[in-house]
Amino acid sequence: MPKGILESLLSGKGAIVPHVQPIYRLRDNQLVAQEYLARHMDEAGVTHPVGPILQDPSLSAKDRLALDLRFLEATFMALAQRGNGTHLHFVNLEPVSLEAPGFWRCLPRWLEALPFPVEYVVMEFTESQGVHDLEALQTYAKRLRDVGLRVAVDDLGAGVASLTQMAWLAPDFIKADRSLVEQVQRRPYQAALLNALSHFAKRMCIGFIAEGIETLDELEAVMDADVPWGQGYILGQPWPTRPKPLALDPLQ
């Protein structure tokens, strides 16, 4: 990762442009949610995902936390300016940020600025740099719920850790990883697993979303597996929001 990009983002000078990607109820093609994805803009005006930056092994824990808080600040500003209560809003959250006092100081301000009820926001736990103490994660999830937020577990099926995490967190939503969706129409074991997870989610009253659906064949197979909600390029690519420049430093 170029040092200049990191310094620009950490200083607050780098442009952060949240994007949103739709999530649909598959049986009637009804928009039910949007996921907010952080993007940064380079000098040429081209936007790039922030995932590779946050997952860079050379990035210090302090810088990773600072970046995630800036991305969250930009996301909640976009929600305050453009969000509404007609559907849910999924916000990516690096679990390690939950350990930072700065996150909990900022959270009340972010929530107070929302123009819709807090329960429409779903904090989506990513696994790239997650907290490995499951008891701590369980406690943080309870704190989020105590202020009215909902909780989702991302990347289910990407590894055993995600299954254990789901069992401990008892989330409101689970998202099947792209690895379970890719070429599912040709892989009966994947289809059967998606179907089993769908029935499990229904029994536990958990929302279930298949992400990374990229082809019509995959979409048809996901629907045949009785998965209720879907997300992916075949349903809609991420598009940018245009929030005002950051007015507050989330680290203060």
Protein backbone atom coordinates (compact mmCIF):
# COMPACT_ATOMS: atom_id res chain seq x y z
CA MET A 1 0.00 0.00 0.00
CA PRO A 2 1.49 3.39 -0.98
CA LYS A 3 2.47 5.35 2.12
CA GLY A 4 0.96 8.52 0.70
CA ILE A 5 -2.52 6.99 0.54
CA LEU A 6 -2.35 5.84 4.15
CA GLU A 7 -1.08 9.21 5.39
CA SER A 8 -3.77 11.03 3.43
CA LEU A 9 -6.55 8.90 4.87
CA LEU A 10 -5.20 9.06 8.42
CA SER A 11 -4.86 12.84 8.26
CA GLY A 12 -8.46 13.24 7.16
CA LYS A 13 -7.43 14.78 3.83
CA GLY A 14 -8.09 11.66 1.77
CA ALA A 15 -11.57 11.46 0.26
CA ILE A 16 -13.77 8.70 1.67
CA VAL A 17 -16.87 7.97 -0.41
CA PRO A 18 -19.20 5.32 1.03
CA HIS A 19 -20.94 3.16 -1.56
CA VAL A 20 -24.18 1.26 -1.12
CA GLN A 21 -25.12 -2.12 -2.55
CA PRO A 22 -28.73 -3.35 -2.54
CA ILE A 23 -30.00 -6.49 -0.82
CA TYR A 24 -33.21 -7.95 -2.23
CA ARG A 25 -35.91 -10.33 -1.07
CA LEU A 26 -35.60 -12.88 -3.83
CA ARG A 27 -39.15 -14.18 -4.06
CA ASP A 28 -40.54 -10.81 -5.18
CA ASN A 29 -37.42 -8.75 -6.01
CA GLN A 30 -38.21 -6.31 -3.19
CA LEU A 31 -35.44 -4.05 -1.86
CA VAL A 32 -35.09 -4.85 1.84
CA ALA A 33 -31.67 -3.47 2.75
CA GLN A 34 -28.51 -1.74 1.61
CA GLU A 35 -24.96 -2.52 2.66
CA TYR A 36 -22.62 0.45 3.10
CA LEU A 37 -19.16 -0.23 1.70
CA ALA A 38 -16.28 2.14 2.39
CA ARG A 39 -14.29 3.36 -0.60
CA HIS A 40 -11.42 5.82 -0.86
CA MET A 41 -10.82 8.08 -3.84
CA ASP A 42 -7.41 8.54 -5.44
CA GLU A 43 -6.06 11.73 -7.01
CA ALA A 44 -7.53 10.74 -10.38
CA GLY A 45 -11.01 10.50 -8.87
CA VAL A 46 -11.12 6.70 -9.05
CA THR A 47 -12.59 4.92 -6.02
CA HIS A 48 -11.10 1.78 -4.48
CA PRO A 49 -12.28 -0.67 -1.79
CA VAL A 50 -10.73 -0.18 1.64
CA GLY A 51 -10.58 -3.91 2.39
CA PRO A 52 -7.07 -4.39 0.98
CA ILE A 53 -5.84 -1.52 3.15
CA LEU A 54 -7.38 -2.85 6.36
CA GLN A 55 -6.11 -6.36 5.60
CA ASP A 56 -2.57 -5.25 4.79
CA PRO A 57 -0.33 -7.17 7.27
CA SER A 58 2.09 -4.25 7.41
CA LEU A 59 -0.62 -1.95 8.79
CA SER A 60 -0.23 -1.34 12.50
CA ALA A 61 -3.11 -2.09 14.86
CA LYS A 62 -3.28 1.60 15.77
CA ASP A 63 -3.54 2.72 12.13
CA ARG A 64 -6.10 -0.01 11.34
CA LEU A 65 -8.28 1.22 14.18
CA ALA A 66 -7.91 4.85 13.14
CA LEU A 67 -8.87 4.04 9.55
CA ASP A 68 -11.89 1.97 10.54
CA LEU A 69 -13.19 4.81 12.73
CA ARG A 70 -12.81 7.25 9.84
CA PHE A 71 -14.67 4.89 7.52
CA LEU A 72 -17.42 4.48 10.11
CA GLU A 73 -17.64 8.25 10.53
CA ALA A 74 -18.09 8.71 6.79
CA THR A 75 -20.68 5.93 6.65
CA PHE A 76 -22.80 7.34 9.46
CA MET A 77 -22.61 10.81 7.93
CA ALA A 78 -23.95 9.32 4.70
CA LEU A 79 -26.71 7.62 6.66
CA ALA A 80 -27.60 10.87 8.41
CA GLN A 81 -27.84 12.70 5.09
CA ARG A 82 -29.40 10.10 2.83
CA GLY A 83 -30.70 7.22 4.91
CA ASN A 84 -34.37 6.48 5.47
CA GLY A 85 -36.57 4.04 7.32
CA THR A 86 -37.93 2.18 4.30
CA HIS A 87 -35.28 -0.55 4.53
CA LEU A 88 -32.39 -1.78 6.68
CA HIS A 89 -28.87 -0.36 6.54
CA PHE A 90 -25.92 -2.76 6.99
CA VAL A 91 -22.71 -1.10 8.22
CA ASN A 92 -19.38 -2.98 8.10
CA LEU A 93 -17.53 -3.05 11.39
CA GLU A 94 -14.08 -4.41 12.14
CA PRO A 95 -14.65 -6.19 15.49
CA VAL A 96 -11.32 -4.92 16.79
CA SER A 97 -12.81 -1.41 16.75
CA LEU A 98 -15.20 -2.48 19.49
CA GLU A 99 -12.23 -2.62 21.86
CA ALA A 100 -11.51 1.08 21.30
CA PRO A 101 -13.00 3.70 23.66
CA GLY A 102 -13.14 6.06 20.67
CA PHE A 103 -15.78 3.90 18.99
CA TRP A 104 -18.08 3.98 22.01
CA ARG A 105 -17.58 7.75 22.41
CA CYS A 106 -18.57 8.36 18.81
CA LEU A 107 -21.47 5.92 18.62
CA PRO A 108 -24.07 8.03 20.53
CA ARG A 109 -23.37 11.03 18.27
CA TRP A 110 -23.67 8.90 15.15
CA LEU A 111 -26.96 7.41 16.27
CA GLU A 112 -28.47 10.71 17.41
CA ALA A 113 -27.94 12.15 13.92
CA LEU A 114 -29.92 9.40 12.19
CA PRO A 115 -33.22 10.53 10.60
CA PHE A 116 -34.81 7.12 11.23
CA PRO A 117 -35.06 4.64 14.15
CA VAL A 118 -31.80 3.07 15.30
CA GLU A 119 -33.13 -0.47 14.85
CA TYR A 120 -32.89 0.00 11.08
CA VAL A 121 -29.08 -0.14 11.39
CA VAL A 122 -27.36 -3.53 11.33
CA MET A 123 -23.72 -3.67 12.42
CA GLU A 124 -22.09 -6.31 10.22
CA PHE A 125 -19.14 -8.03 11.90
CA THR A 126 -16.39 -8.67 9.39
CA GLU A 127 -13.84 -11.39 10.06
CA SER A 128 -10.67 -10.06 8.46
CA GLN A 129 -9.15 -8.66 11.63
CA GLY A 130 -11.70 -9.79 14.19
CA VAL A 131 -11.50 -10.02 17.93
CA HIS A 132 -10.69 -13.64 18.73
CA ASP A 133 -12.08 -13.54 22.27
CA LEU A 134 -15.61 -14.80 21.66
CA GLU A 135 -16.78 -13.87 25.16
CA ALA A 136 -15.67 -10.30 24.52
CA LEU A 137 -17.45 -10.29 21.15
CA GLN A 138 -20.61 -11.54 22.85
CA THR A 139 -20.39 -8.69 25.36
CA TYR A 140 -19.86 -6.09 22.63
CA ALA A 141 -22.78 -7.46 20.63
CA LYS A 142 -24.99 -7.07 23.70
CA ARG A 143 -23.84 -3.46 24.12
CA LEU A 144 -24.77 -2.74 20.51
CA ARG A 145 -28.19 -4.31 20.98
CA ASP A 146 -28.71 -2.38 24.21
CA VAL A 147 -28.66 0.88 22.22
CA GLY A 148 -31.09 -0.53 19.66
CA LEU A 149 -28.75 -1.75 16.92
CA ARG A 150 -28.96 -5.15 15.26
CA VAL A 151 -26.03 -7.48 14.59
CA ALA A 152 -25.01 -9.52 11.54
CA VAL A 153 -22.22 -12.05 10.98
CA ASP A 154 -20.52 -11.80 7.61
CA ASP A 155 -18.71 -14.48 5.57
CA LEU A 156 -20.54 -17.49 7.03
CA GLY A 157 -19.01 -20.58 5.47
CA ALA A 158 -15.59 -19.01 4.94
CA GLY A 159 -14.18 -21.02 7.85
CA VAL A 160 -14.91 -22.82 11.09
CA ALA A 161 -14.32 -19.60 13.01
CA SER A 162 -17.33 -17.96 11.41
CA LEU A 163 -19.60 -20.83 12.48
CA THR A 164 -18.33 -20.59 16.05
CA GLN A 165 -18.75 -16.83 15.96
CA MET A 166 -22.34 -17.22 14.81
CA ALA A 167 -23.12 -19.66 17.61
CA TRP A 168 -21.75 -17.27 20.25
CA LEU A 169 -23.20 -14.05 18.90
CA ALA A 170 -26.70 -15.35 18.06
CA PRO A 171 -26.93 -12.63 15.38
CA ASP A 172 -30.05 -11.10 13.89
CA PHE A 173 -28.71 -11.77 10.37
CA ILE A 174 -26.18 -14.11 8.81
CA LYS A 175 -24.59 -13.73 5.37
CA ALA A 176 -23.40 -16.74 3.39
CA ASP A 177 -19.92 -16.19 2.00
CA ARG A 178 -19.28 -15.94 -1.74
CA SER A 179 -17.43 -19.27 -1.50
CA LEU A 180 -20.79 -21.00 -0.89
CA VAL A 181 -22.45 -19.18 -3.77
CA GLU A 182 -19.84 -19.41 -6.51
CA GLN A 183 -20.87 -21.99 -9.14
CA VAL A 184 -23.50 -23.33 -6.72
CA GLN A 185 -25.59 -24.56 -9.66
CA ARG A 186 -22.83 -27.09 -10.42
CA ARG A 187 -22.04 -28.06 -6.83
CA PRO A 188 -24.83 -29.97 -5.09
CA TYR A 189 -23.05 -29.99 -1.74
CA GLN A 190 -22.99 -26.19 -1.70
CA ALA A 191 -26.66 -26.03 -2.67
CA ALA A 192 -27.58 -28.47 0.09
CA LEU A 193 -25.59 -26.49 2.62
CA LEU A 194 -27.26 -23.23 1.60
CA ASN A 195 -30.62 -24.93 1.93
CA ALA A 196 -29.75 -26.29 5.39
CA LEU A 197 -28.55 -22.88 6.54
CA SER A 198 -31.71 -21.29 5.22
CA HIS A 199 -33.91 -23.66 7.21
CA PHE A 200 -31.73 -23.19 10.29
CA ALA A 201 -32.07 -19.40 9.99
CA LYS A 202 -35.83 -19.65 9.56
CA ARG A 203 -36.13 -21.87 12.63
CA MET A 204 -34.01 -19.44 14.70
CA CYS A 205 -35.81 -16.35 13.32
CA ILE A 206 -32.56 -15.07 11.77
CA GLY A 207 -32.39 -13.18 8.49
CA PHE A 208 -30.33 -15.10 5.92
CA ILE A 209 -28.57 -13.48 2.98
CA ALA A 210 -26.50 -15.03 0.19
CA GLU A 211 -23.86 -12.56 -0.93
CA GLY A 212 -21.71 -12.50 -4.03
CA ILE A 213 -24.38 -13.66 -6.49
CA GLU A 214 -22.88 -12.78 -9.86
CA THR A 215 -24.70 -14.82 -12.53
CA LEU A 216 -28.26 -15.75 -13.39
CA ASP A 217 -27.42 -19.43 -12.89
CA GLU A 218 -26.16 -18.71 -9.38
CA LEU A 219 -29.24 -16.61 -8.65
CA GLU A 220 -31.60 -19.40 -9.76
CA ALA A 221 -29.70 -21.99 -7.71
CA VAL A 222 -29.74 -19.77 -4.62
CA MET A 223 -33.48 -19.30 -4.99
CA ASP A 224 -33.94 -23.06 -5.48
CA ALA A 225 -32.04 -23.53 -2.19
CA ASP A 226 -34.78 -21.47 -0.51
CA VAL A 227 -32.46 -18.61 0.46
CA PRO A 228 -34.75 -15.63 1.24
CA TRP A 229 -32.46 -12.63 0.60
CA GLY A 230 -29.66 -12.04 -1.89
CA GLN A 231 -26.90 -9.60 -2.72
CA GLY A 232 -24.44 -9.44 -5.60
CA TYR A 233 -23.51 -7.85 -8.90
CA ILE A 234 -26.33 -9.58 -10.80
CA LEU A 235 -28.78 -7.82 -8.46
CA GLY A 236 -27.01 -4.48 -8.26
CA GLN A 237 -23.47 -3.14 -8.11
CA PRO A 238 -22.34 -0.70 -5.41
CA TRP A 239 -22.96 2.96 -6.22
CA PRO A 240 -21.52 6.01 -4.46
CA THR A 241 -23.12 8.27 -1.92
CA ARG A 242 -21.83 11.80 -1.73
CA PRO A 243 -21.72 12.89 1.90
CA LYS A 244 -20.35 16.28 2.88
CA PRO A 245 -16.69 16.41 3.94
CA LEU A 246 -15.99 15.09 7.41
CA ALA A 247 -16.64 17.84 9.93
CA LEU A 248 -15.55 16.00 13.05
CA ASP A 249 -12.49 13.94 13.83
CA PRO A 250 -13.72 10.58 15.16
CA LEU A 251 -10.50 10.16 17.11
CA GLN A 252 -11.02 13.23 19.25
